[in-house]
Structure formats: structure tokens, C-alpha cells
All heavy atoms as atom14 arrays in JSON, in Angstrom:
{
  "sequence": "KWEECRLTPAPAATLELAPAIEQSPVSVECRVRDVLELGSHHMFLA",
  "atom14_mask": [
    [1, 1, 1, 1, 1, 1, 1, 1, 1, 0, 0, 0, 0, 0],
    [1, 1, 1, 1, 1, 1, 1, 1, 1, 1, 1, 1, 1, 1],
    [1, 1, 1, 1, 1, 1, 1, 1, 1, 0, 0, 0, 0, 0],
    [1, 1, 1, 1, 1, 1, 1, 1, 1, 0, 0, 0, 0, 0],
    [1, 1, 1, 1, 1, 1, 0, 0, 0, 0, 0, 0, 0, 0],
    [1, 1, 1, 1, 1, 1, 1, 1, 1, 1, 1, 0, 0, 0],
    [1, 1, 1, 1, 1, 1, 1, 1, 0, 0, 0, 0, 0, 0],
    [1, 1, 1, 1, 1, 1, 1, 0, 0, 0, 0, 0, 0, 0],
    [1, 1, 1, 1, 1, 1, 1, 0, 0, 0, 0, 0, 0, 0],
    [1, 1, 1, 1, 1, 0, 0, 0, 0, 0, 0, 0, 0, 0],
    [1, 1, 1, 1, 1, 1, 1, 0, 0, 0, 0, 0, 0, 0],
    [1, 1, 1, 1, 1, 0, 0, 0, 0, 0, 0, 0, 0, 0],
    [1, 1, 1, 1, 1, 0, 0, 0, 0, 0, 0, 0, 0, 0],
    [1, 1, 1, 1, 1, 1, 1, 0, 0, 0, 0, 0, 0, 0],
    [1, 1, 1, 1, 1, 1, 1, 1, 0, 0, 0, 0, 0, 0],
    [1, 1, 1, 1, 1, 1, 1, 1, 1, 0, 0, 0, 0, 0],
    [1, 1, 1, 1, 1, 1, 1, 1, 0, 0, 0, 0, 0, 0],
    [1, 1, 1, 1, 1, 0, 0, 0, 0, 0, 0, 0, 0, 0],
    [1, 1, 1, 1, 1, 1, 1, 0, 0, 0, 0, 0, 0, 0],
    [1, 1, 1, 1, 1, 0, 0, 0, 0, 0, 0, 0, 0, 0],
    [1, 1, 1, 1, 1, 1, 1, 1, 0, 0, 0, 0, 0, 0],
    [1, 1, 1, 1, 1, 1, 1, 1, 1, 0, 0, 0, 0, 0],
    [1, 1, 1, 1, 1, 1, 1, 1, 1, 0, 0, 0, 0, 0],
    [1, 1, 1, 1, 1, 1, 0, 0, 0, 0, 0, 0, 0, 0],
    [1, 1, 1, 1, 1, 1, 1, 0, 0, 0, 0, 0, 0, 0],
    [1, 1, 1, 1, 1, 1, 1, 0, 0, 0, 0, 0, 0, 0],
    [1, 1, 1, 1, 1, 1, 0, 0, 0, 0, 0, 0, 0, 0],
    [1, 1, 1, 1, 1, 1, 1, 0, 0, 0, 0, 0, 0, 0],
    [1, 1, 1, 1, 1, 1, 1, 1, 1, 0, 0, 0, 0, 0],
    [1, 1, 1, 1, 1, 1, 0, 0, 0, 0, 0, 0, 0, 0],
    [1, 1, 1, 1, 1, 1, 1, 1, 1, 1, 1, 0, 0, 0],
    [1, 1, 1, 1, 1, 1, 1, 0, 0, 0, 0, 0, 0, 0],
    [1, 1, 1, 1, 1, 1, 1, 1, 1, 1, 1, 0, 0, 0],
    [1, 1, 1, 1, 1, 1, 1, 1, 0, 0, 0, 0, 0, 0],
    [1, 1, 1, 1, 1, 1, 1, 0, 0, 0, 0, 0, 0, 0],
    [1, 1, 1, 1, 1, 1, 1, 1, 0, 0, 0, 0, 0, 0],
    [1, 1, 1, 1, 1, 1, 1, 1, 1, 0, 0, 0, 0, 0],
    [1, 1, 1, 1, 1, 1, 1, 1, 0, 0, 0, 0, 0, 0],
    [1, 1, 1, 1, 0, 0, 0, 0, 0, 0, 0, 0, 0, 0],
    [1, 1, 1, 1, 1, 1, 0, 0, 0, 0, 0, 0, 0, 0],
    [1, 1, 1, 1, 1, 1, 1, 1, 1, 1, 0, 0, 0, 0],
    [1, 1, 1, 1, 1, 1, 1, 1, 1, 1, 0, 0, 0, 0],
    [1, 1, 1, 1, 1, 1, 1, 1, 0, 0, 0, 0, 0, 0],
    [1, 1, 1, 1, 1, 1, 1, 1, 1, 1, 1, 0, 0, 0],
    [1, 1, 1, 1, 1, 1, 1, 1, 0, 0, 0, 0, 0, 0],
    [1, 1, 1, 1, 1, 0, 0, 0, 0, 0, 0, 0, 0, 0]
  ],
  "atom14_positions": [
    [[3.79, 3.88, -2.34], [4.0, 2.4, -2.18], [3.24, 1.82, -1.01], [2.89, 0.63, -1.1], [5.51, 2.17, -2.06], [6.29, 2.57, -3.29], [7.8, 2.29, -3.08], [8.59, 2.83, -4.2], [10.01, 2.59, -4.01], [0.0, 0.0, 0.0], [0.0, 0.0, 0.0], [0.0, 0.0, 0.0], [0.0, 0.0, 0.0], [0.0, 0.0, 0.0]],
    [[3.0, 2.62, 0.04], [2.22, 2.11, 1.12], [0.81, 1.67, 0.64], [0.32, 0.64, 0.94], [2.12, 3.11, 2.2], [3.41, 3.49, 2.84], [4.31, 4.48, 2.46], [3.98, 2.83, 3.95], [5.38, 4.5, 3.26], [5.24, 3.5, 4.23], [3.64, 1.78, 4.78], [6.07, 3.12, 5.23], [4.44, 1.42, 5.82], [5.66, 2.04, 6.0]],
    [[0.2, 2.58, -0.12], [-1.13, 2.36, -0.64], [-1.19, 1.22, -1.66], [-1.99, 0.33, -1.61], [-1.71, 3.64, -1.22], [-3.17, 3.49, -1.65], [-3.67, 4.83, -2.15], [-3.42, 5.88, -1.54], [-4.38, 4.83, -3.18], [0.0, 0.0, 0.0], [0.0, 0.0, 0.0], [0.0, 0.0, 0.0], [0.0, 0.0, 0.0], [0.0, 0.0, 0.0]],
    [[-0.26, 1.35, -2.63], [-0.22, 0.34, -3.72], [-0.03, -1.07, -3.2], [-0.57, -2.01, -3.72], [0.88, 0.72, -4.71], [0.68, 1.98, -5.45], [-0.41, 1.94, -6.51], [-0.66, 0.79, -7.04], [-0.95, 2.97, -6.89], [0.0, 0.0, 0.0], [0.0, 0.0, 0.0], [0.0, 0.0, 0.0], [0.0, 0.0, 0.0], [0.0, 0.0, 0.0]],
    [[0.75, -1.25, -2.18], [1.1, -2.56, -1.63], [0.28, -2.95, -0.46], [0.48, -4.02, 0.12], [2.61, -2.64, -1.31], [3.65, -2.62, -2.76], [0.0, 0.0, 0.0], [0.0, 0.0, 0.0], [0.0, 0.0, 0.0], [0.0, 0.0, 0.0], [0.0, 0.0, 0.0], [0.0, 0.0, 0.0], [0.0, 0.0, 0.0], [0.0, 0.0, 0.0]],
    [[-0.62, -2.08, -0.1], [-1.54, -2.28, 1.09], [-0.72, -2.6, 2.34], [-0.96, -3.49, 3.07], [-2.51, -3.39, 0.79], [-3.51, -3.06, -0.32], [-4.56, -4.14, -0.44], [-5.57, -3.74, -1.41], [-5.63, -4.15, -2.66], [-4.75, -5.01, -3.1], [-6.59, -3.75, -3.49], [0.0, 0.0, 0.0], [0.0, 0.0, 0.0], [0.0, 0.0, 0.0]],
    [[0.24, -1.76, 2.56], [1.12, -1.9, 3.71], [0.7, -0.81, 4.71], [0.29, 0.31, 4.33], [2.6, -1.8, 3.36], [3.08, -2.89, 2.46], [4.51, -2.59, 1.97], [3.09, -4.23, 3.16], [0.0, 0.0, 0.0], [0.0, 0.0, 0.0], [0.0, 0.0, 0.0], [0.0, 0.0, 0.0], [0.0, 0.0, 0.0], [0.0, 0.0, 0.0]],
    [[0.92, -1.08, 6.02], [0.43, -0.18, 7.07], [1.69, 0.37, 7.78], [2.47, -0.36, 8.34], [-0.35, -0.98, 8.09], [-1.4, -1.66, 7.41], [-0.96, -0.06, 9.09], [0.0, 0.0, 0.0], [0.0, 0.0, 0.0], [0.0, 0.0, 0.0], [0.0, 0.0, 0.0], [0.0, 0.0, 0.0], [0.0, 0.0, 0.0], [0.0, 0.0, 0.0]],
    [[1.82, 1.74, 7.8], [2.88, 2.32, 8.6], [2.56, 2.16, 10.09], [1.45, 2.38, 10.53], [2.89, 3.77, 8.19], [1.58, 4.02, 7.51], [1.02, 2.71, 7.1], [0.0, 0.0, 0.0], [0.0, 0.0, 0.0], [0.0, 0.0, 0.0], [0.0, 0.0, 0.0], [0.0, 0.0, 0.0], [0.0, 0.0, 0.0], [0.0, 0.0, 0.0]],
    [[3.56, 1.74, 10.88], [3.45, 1.61, 12.33], [4.39, 2.58, 12.96], [5.56, 2.74, 12.45], [3.68, 0.19, 12.71], [0.0, 0.0, 0.0], [0.0, 0.0, 0.0], [0.0, 0.0, 0.0], [0.0, 0.0, 0.0], [0.0, 0.0, 0.0], [0.0, 0.0, 0.0], [0.0, 0.0, 0.0], [0.0, 0.0, 0.0], [0.0, 0.0, 0.0]],
    [[4.06, 3.12, 14.13], [5.04, 4.04, 14.78], [6.31, 3.33, 15.19], [6.26, 2.16, 15.7], [4.27, 4.5, 16.05], [2.84, 4.11, 15.83], [2.81, 2.96, 14.8], [0.0, 0.0, 0.0], [0.0, 0.0, 0.0], [0.0, 0.0, 0.0], [0.0, 0.0, 0.0], [0.0, 0.0, 0.0], [0.0, 0.0, 0.0], [0.0, 0.0, 0.0]],
    [[7.38, 3.97, 15.03], [8.69, 3.5, 15.52], [8.75, 3.82, 17.04], [8.2, 4.84, 17.43], [9.84, 4.14, 14.74], [0.0, 0.0, 0.0], [0.0, 0.0, 0.0], [0.0, 0.0, 0.0], [0.0, 0.0, 0.0], [0.0, 0.0, 0.0], [0.0, 0.0, 0.0], [0.0, 0.0, 0.0], [0.0, 0.0, 0.0], [0.0, 0.0, 0.0]],
    [[9.44, 3.01, 17.77], [9.58, 3.21, 19.2], [10.58, 4.34, 19.55], [10.39, 5.03, 20.51], [9.96, 1.94, 19.9], [0.0, 0.0, 0.0], [0.0, 0.0, 0.0], [0.0, 0.0, 0.0], [0.0, 0.0, 0.0], [0.0, 0.0, 0.0], [0.0, 0.0, 0.0], [0.0, 0.0, 0.0], [0.0, 0.0, 0.0], [0.0, 0.0, 0.0]],
    [[11.61, 4.5, 18.7], [12.7, 5.44, 19.06], [12.99, 6.53, 17.95], [13.84, 7.3, 18.19], [13.97, 4.64, 19.26], [14.31, 3.91, 18.05], [13.9, 3.63, 20.36], [0.0, 0.0, 0.0], [0.0, 0.0, 0.0], [0.0, 0.0, 0.0], [0.0, 0.0, 0.0], [0.0, 0.0, 0.0], [0.0, 0.0, 0.0], [0.0, 0.0, 0.0]],
    [[12.22, 6.45, 16.9], [12.45, 7.45, 15.81], [11.35, 8.43, 15.75], [10.23, 8.16, 16.14], [12.62, 6.73, 14.49], [13.69, 5.62, 14.39], [13.65, 4.95, 13.02], [15.07, 6.2, 14.65], [0.0, 0.0, 0.0], [0.0, 0.0, 0.0], [0.0, 0.0, 0.0], [0.0, 0.0, 0.0], [0.0, 0.0, 0.0], [0.0, 0.0, 0.0]],
    [[11.62, 9.62, 15.23], [10.61, 10.68, 15.15], [9.79, 10.64, 13.87], [8.65, 10.92, 13.87], [11.27, 12.0, 15.26], [11.94, 12.24, 16.66], [12.66, 13.57, 16.71], [12.28, 14.54, 15.95], [13.6, 13.69, 17.5], [0.0, 0.0, 0.0], [0.0, 0.0, 0.0], [0.0, 0.0, 0.0], [0.0, 0.0, 0.0], [0.0, 0.0, 0.0]],
    [[10.42, 10.19, 12.74], [9.75, 10.33, 11.5], [9.53, 8.99, 10.73], [8.44, 8.78, 10.22], [10.57, 11.25, 10.6], [10.79, 12.67, 11.1], [11.83, 13.43, 10.34], [9.5, 13.43, 11.14], [0.0, 0.0, 0.0], [0.0, 0.0, 0.0], [0.0, 0.0, 0.0], [0.0, 0.0, 0.0], [0.0, 0.0, 0.0], [0.0, 0.0, 0.0]],
    [[10.51, 8.17, 10.7], [10.39, 6.93, 9.89], [9.48, 5.93, 10.55], [9.65, 5.58, 11.69], [11.79, 6.32, 9.69], [0.0, 0.0, 0.0], [0.0, 0.0, 0.0], [0.0, 0.0, 0.0], [0.0, 0.0, 0.0], [0.0, 0.0, 0.0], [0.0, 0.0, 0.0], [0.0, 0.0, 0.0], [0.0, 0.0, 0.0], [0.0, 0.0, 0.0]],
    [[8.51, 5.45, 9.79], [7.63, 4.37, 10.38], [8.19, 3.03, 10.07], [8.99, 2.79, 9.21], [6.33, 4.59, 9.53], [6.77, 5.08, 8.21], [8.06, 5.91, 8.51], [0.0, 0.0, 0.0], [0.0, 0.0, 0.0], [0.0, 0.0, 0.0], [0.0, 0.0, 0.0], [0.0, 0.0, 0.0], [0.0, 0.0, 0.0], [0.0, 0.0, 0.0]],
    [[7.71, 2.03, 10.85], [7.97, 0.61, 10.55], [6.87, 0.14, 9.65], [5.84, 0.78, 9.53], [8.04, -0.16, 11.86], [0.0, 0.0, 0.0], [0.0, 0.0, 0.0], [0.0, 0.0, 0.0], [0.0, 0.0, 0.0], [0.0, 0.0, 0.0], [0.0, 0.0, 0.0], [0.0, 0.0, 0.0], [0.0, 0.0, 0.0], [0.0, 0.0, 0.0]],
    [[7.06, -1.05, 9.07], [6.0, -1.67, 8.26], [5.32, -2.69, 9.19], [6.0, -3.66, 9.66], [6.55, -2.36, 6.98], [7.19, -1.32, 6.11], [5.44, -3.16, 6.31], [7.89, -1.91, 4.88], [0.0, 0.0, 0.0], [0.0, 0.0, 0.0], [0.0, 0.0, 0.0], [0.0, 0.0, 0.0], [0.0, 0.0, 0.0], [0.0, 0.0, 0.0]],
    [[4.07, -2.48, 9.47], [3.37, -3.35, 10.46], [3.39, -4.8, 10.05], [3.46, -5.69, 10.89], [1.9, -2.84, 10.62], [1.16, -3.61, 11.68], [-0.21, -3.03, 11.86], [-0.36, -1.75, 12.14], [-1.21, -3.76, 11.76], [0.0, 0.0, 0.0], [0.0, 0.0, 0.0], [0.0, 0.0, 0.0], [0.0, 0.0, 0.0], [0.0, 0.0, 0.0]],
    [[3.37, -5.11, 8.8], [3.24, -6.44, 8.29], [4.61, -7.19, 8.34], [4.59, -8.44, 8.21], [2.73, -6.5, 6.88], [1.3, -6.14, 6.71], [0.97, -4.64, 6.64], [1.91, -3.84, 6.86], [-0.23, -4.27, 6.38], [0.0, 0.0, 0.0], [0.0, 0.0, 0.0], [0.0, 0.0, 0.0], [0.0, 0.0, 0.0], [0.0, 0.0, 0.0]],
    [[5.67, -6.51, 8.56], [6.97, -7.13, 8.7], [7.12, -7.78, 10.11], [6.87, -7.14, 11.12], [8.1, -6.11, 8.46], [9.35, -6.69, 8.7], [0.0, 0.0, 0.0], [0.0, 0.0, 0.0], [0.0, 0.0, 0.0], [0.0, 0.0, 0.0], [0.0, 0.0, 0.0], [0.0, 0.0, 0.0], [0.0, 0.0, 0.0], [0.0, 0.0, 0.0]],
    [[7.7, -8.99, 10.16], [7.79, -9.59, 11.51], [8.9, -9.0, 12.34], [8.86, -9.11, 13.56], [8.11, -11.06, 11.14], [8.8, -10.96, 9.79], [8.14, -9.85, 9.11], [0.0, 0.0, 0.0], [0.0, 0.0, 0.0], [0.0, 0.0, 0.0], [0.0, 0.0, 0.0], [0.0, 0.0, 0.0], [0.0, 0.0, 0.0], [0.0, 0.0, 0.0]],
    [[9.88, -8.38, 11.7], [10.99, -7.76, 12.46], [11.29, -6.44, 11.78], [11.6, -6.36, 10.55], [12.26, -8.63, 12.46], [13.46, -7.95, 13.19], [12.0, -9.99, 13.07], [0.0, 0.0, 0.0], [0.0, 0.0, 0.0], [0.0, 0.0, 0.0], [0.0, 0.0, 0.0], [0.0, 0.0, 0.0], [0.0, 0.0, 0.0], [0.0, 0.0, 0.0]],
    [[11.29, -5.39, 12.57], [11.64, -4.02, 12.07], [12.76, -3.51, 12.94], [12.65, -3.36, 14.14], [10.4, -3.08, 12.14], [9.33, -3.64, 11.34], [0.0, 0.0, 0.0], [0.0, 0.0, 0.0], [0.0, 0.0, 0.0], [0.0, 0.0, 0.0], [0.0, 0.0, 0.0], [0.0, 0.0, 0.0], [0.0, 0.0, 0.0], [0.0, 0.0, 0.0]],
    [[13.82, -3.07, 12.23], [15.06, -2.57, 12.9], [15.12, -1.1, 12.77], [15.32, -0.6, 11.6], [16.27, -3.28, 12.36], [17.5, -2.88, 13.09], [16.13, -4.8, 12.35], [0.0, 0.0, 0.0], [0.0, 0.0, 0.0], [0.0, 0.0, 0.0], [0.0, 0.0, 0.0], [0.0, 0.0, 0.0], [0.0, 0.0, 0.0], [0.0, 0.0, 0.0]],
    [[14.96, -0.37, 13.83], [14.99, 1.13, 13.77], [16.41, 1.66, 13.79], [17.25, 1.18, 14.62], [14.21, 1.67, 15.0], [12.77, 1.21, 15.04], [11.97, 1.73, 16.2], [12.4, 2.69, 16.86], [10.91, 1.14, 16.48], [0.0, 0.0, 0.0], [0.0, 0.0, 0.0], [0.0, 0.0, 0.0], [0.0, 0.0, 0.0], [0.0, 0.0, 0.0]],
    [[16.73, 2.58, 12.89], [18.09, 3.01, 12.74], [18.2, 4.54, 12.63], [17.34, 5.22, 12.04], [18.65, 2.45, 11.4], [18.7, 0.64, 11.4], [0.0, 0.0, 0.0], [0.0, 0.0, 0.0], [0.0, 0.0, 0.0], [0.0, 0.0, 0.0], [0.0, 0.0, 0.0], [0.0, 0.0, 0.0], [0.0, 0.0, 0.0], [0.0, 0.0, 0.0]],
    [[19.26, 5.04, 13.2], [19.56, 6.46, 13.19], [20.98, 6.55, 12.41], [21.96, 5.96, 12.85], [19.64, 7.07, 14.53], [19.74, 8.6, 14.5], [19.38, 9.27, 15.83], [17.9, 9.23, 16.05], [17.3, 8.56, 17.0], [18.01, 7.89, 17.9], [15.99, 8.63, 17.13], [0.0, 0.0, 0.0], [0.0, 0.0, 0.0], [0.0, 0.0, 0.0]],
    [[20.99, 7.38, 11.4], [22.19, 7.5, 10.56], [23.3, 8.19, 11.38], [23.15, 9.19, 12.02], [21.91, 8.39, 9.29], [23.19, 8.6, 8.48], [20.85, 7.7, 8.48], [0.0, 0.0, 0.0], [0.0, 0.0, 0.0], [0.0, 0.0, 0.0], [0.0, 0.0, 0.0], [0.0, 0.0, 0.0], [0.0, 0.0, 0.0], [0.0, 0.0, 0.0]],
    [[24.46, 7.53, 11.37], [25.65, 8.03, 12.03], [26.61, 8.74, 10.99], [27.19, 9.75, 11.37], [26.43, 6.86, 12.66], [27.73, 7.31, 13.31], [28.52, 6.08, 13.76], [28.0, 5.56, 15.03], [28.73, 5.11, 15.96], [30.04, 5.14, 15.93], [28.21, 4.6, 17.1], [0.0, 0.0, 0.0], [0.0, 0.0, 0.0], [0.0, 0.0, 0.0]],
    [[26.68, 8.15, 9.79], [27.59, 8.7, 8.81], [27.1, 8.26, 7.43], [26.44, 7.3, 7.28], [29.01, 8.23, 9.03], [30.08, 9.06, 8.38], [29.72, 10.11, 7.73], [31.26, 8.67, 8.36], [0.0, 0.0, 0.0], [0.0, 0.0, 0.0], [0.0, 0.0, 0.0], [0.0, 0.0, 0.0], [0.0, 0.0, 0.0], [0.0, 0.0, 0.0]],
    [[27.5, 9.01, 6.41], [27.2, 8.69, 5.04], [28.5, 8.66, 4.28], [29.27, 9.63, 4.24], [26.25, 9.69, 4.37], [25.94, 9.26, 2.9], [24.97, 9.85, 5.18], [0.0, 0.0, 0.0], [0.0, 0.0, 0.0], [0.0, 0.0, 0.0], [0.0, 0.0, 0.0], [0.0, 0.0, 0.0], [0.0, 0.0, 0.0], [0.0, 0.0, 0.0]],
    [[28.82, 7.47, 3.7], [30.07, 7.33, 2.93], [29.69, 7.31, 1.43], [29.0, 6.45, 0.96], [30.72, 6.02, 3.31], [31.04, 5.83, 4.75], [31.64, 4.43, 5.02], [32.03, 6.93, 5.21], [0.0, 0.0, 0.0], [0.0, 0.0, 0.0], [0.0, 0.0, 0.0], [0.0, 0.0, 0.0], [0.0, 0.0, 0.0], [0.0, 0.0, 0.0]],
    [[30.15, 8.41, 0.73], [29.85, 8.48, -0.71], [30.89, 7.66, -1.42], [32.0, 8.16, -1.69], [29.86, 9.98, -1.09], [28.76, 10.72, -0.35], [28.66, 12.15, -0.74], [29.35, 12.62, -1.72], [27.89, 12.93, -0.09], [0.0, 0.0, 0.0], [0.0, 0.0, 0.0], [0.0, 0.0, 0.0], [0.0, 0.0, 0.0], [0.0, 0.0, 0.0]],
    [[30.54, 6.47, -1.84], [31.49, 5.5, -2.32], [31.58, 5.37, -3.84], [32.58, 4.8, -4.35], [31.14, 4.13, -1.73], [31.13, 4.03, -0.23], [30.63, 2.69, 0.25], [32.53, 4.29, 0.33], [0.0, 0.0, 0.0], [0.0, 0.0, 0.0], [0.0, 0.0, 0.0], [0.0, 0.0, 0.0], [0.0, 0.0, 0.0], [0.0, 0.0, 0.0]],
    [[30.64, 5.86, -4.53], [30.55, 5.67, -6.02], [29.15, 5.62, -6.43], [28.35, 6.53, -6.13], [0.0, 0.0, 0.0], [0.0, 0.0, 0.0], [0.0, 0.0, 0.0], [0.0, 0.0, 0.0], [0.0, 0.0, 0.0], [0.0, 0.0, 0.0], [0.0, 0.0, 0.0], [0.0, 0.0, 0.0], [0.0, 0.0, 0.0], [0.0, 0.0, 0.0]],
    [[28.75, 4.49, -7.1], [27.33, 4.38, -7.57], [26.34, 4.4, -6.39], [25.24, 4.8, -6.53], [27.15, 3.08, -8.36], [27.4, 1.96, -7.55], [0.0, 0.0, 0.0], [0.0, 0.0, 0.0], [0.0, 0.0, 0.0], [0.0, 0.0, 0.0], [0.0, 0.0, 0.0], [0.0, 0.0, 0.0], [0.0, 0.0, 0.0], [0.0, 0.0, 0.0]],
    [[26.83, 3.9, -5.21], [25.98, 3.89, -4.03], [26.64, 4.63, -2.91], [27.86, 4.73, -2.81], [25.79, 2.46, -3.58], [24.9, 1.61, -4.44], [25.3, 1.21, -5.7], [23.63, 1.16, -4.29], [24.31, 0.51, -6.23], [23.3, 0.43, -5.4], [0.0, 0.0, 0.0], [0.0, 0.0, 0.0], [0.0, 0.0, 0.0], [0.0, 0.0, 0.0]],
    [[25.79, 5.23, -2.06], [26.24, 5.85, -0.86], [25.84, 4.99, 0.32], [24.69, 4.55, 0.36], [25.72, 7.26, -0.67], [26.21, 8.23, -1.74], [25.82, 9.55, -1.73], [27.05, 8.09, -2.78], [26.36, 10.21, -2.76], [27.12, 9.28, -3.43], [0.0, 0.0, 0.0], [0.0, 0.0, 0.0], [0.0, 0.0, 0.0], [0.0, 0.0, 0.0]],
    [[26.76, 4.7, 1.27], [26.44, 3.82, 2.33], [26.07, 4.62, 3.52], [26.79, 5.53, 3.99], [27.7, 2.95, 2.71], [27.36, 1.97, 3.82], [28.7, 0.76, 4.07], [29.9, 1.81, 4.89], [0.0, 0.0, 0.0], [0.0, 0.0, 0.0], [0.0, 0.0, 0.0], [0.0, 0.0, 0.0], [0.0, 0.0, 0.0], [0.0, 0.0, 0.0]],
    [[24.87, 4.34, 4.09], [24.39, 4.92, 5.34], [24.76, 4.04, 6.46], [24.23, 2.96, 6.6], [22.89, 5.11, 5.27], [22.43, 6.18, 4.28], [22.26, 5.85, 2.95], [22.21, 7.49, 4.73], [21.82, 6.81, 2.01], [21.78, 8.43, 3.77], [21.61, 8.13, 2.47], [0.0, 0.0, 0.0], [0.0, 0.0, 0.0], [0.0, 0.0, 0.0]],
    [[25.71, 4.48, 7.28], [26.16, 3.75, 8.44], [25.27, 4.23, 9.58], [25.14, 5.42, 9.84], [27.58, 4.11, 8.74], [28.34, 3.33, 9.81], [28.36, 1.87, 9.51], [29.74, 3.91, 9.96], [0.0, 0.0, 0.0], [0.0, 0.0, 0.0], [0.0, 0.0, 0.0], [0.0, 0.0, 0.0], [0.0, 0.0, 0.0], [0.0, 0.0, 0.0]],
    [[24.58, 3.26, 10.3], [23.57, 3.66, 11.2], [23.63, 2.86, 12.53], [24.03, 1.69, 12.56], [22.22, 3.42, 10.57], [0.0, 0.0, 0.0], [0.0, 0.0, 0.0], [0.0, 0.0, 0.0], [0.0, 0.0, 0.0], [0.0, 0.0, 0.0], [0.0, 0.0, 0.0], [0.0, 0.0, 0.0], [0.0, 0.0, 0.0], [0.0, 0.0, 0.0]]
  ]
}
């Protein structure tokens, strides 16, 4: 998707693996605290 949409991965300031999208005006870095398996969707609390 990075290549197809011509998006640029940018280093996160506090994360080791997940990049930010350089073209986004605001990027919110998150570390998962818990995963709630609720049904059709699982909620990542971060």
C-alpha cells in the first residue's frame, strides 16, 4: 500500500517498528496496552 499510494514511511519518535505516514499532518504514535476480543472486531487499547 505504501508503494501503490505513493506514501512515504517516516520514523516514529517513540516506537521501534511502526512508521508514521509522512504525508499525514498529524501522526499519533501508540503502544498497545490491551486487546479486547469483543466479537467481529477486537479493540486495541493503546
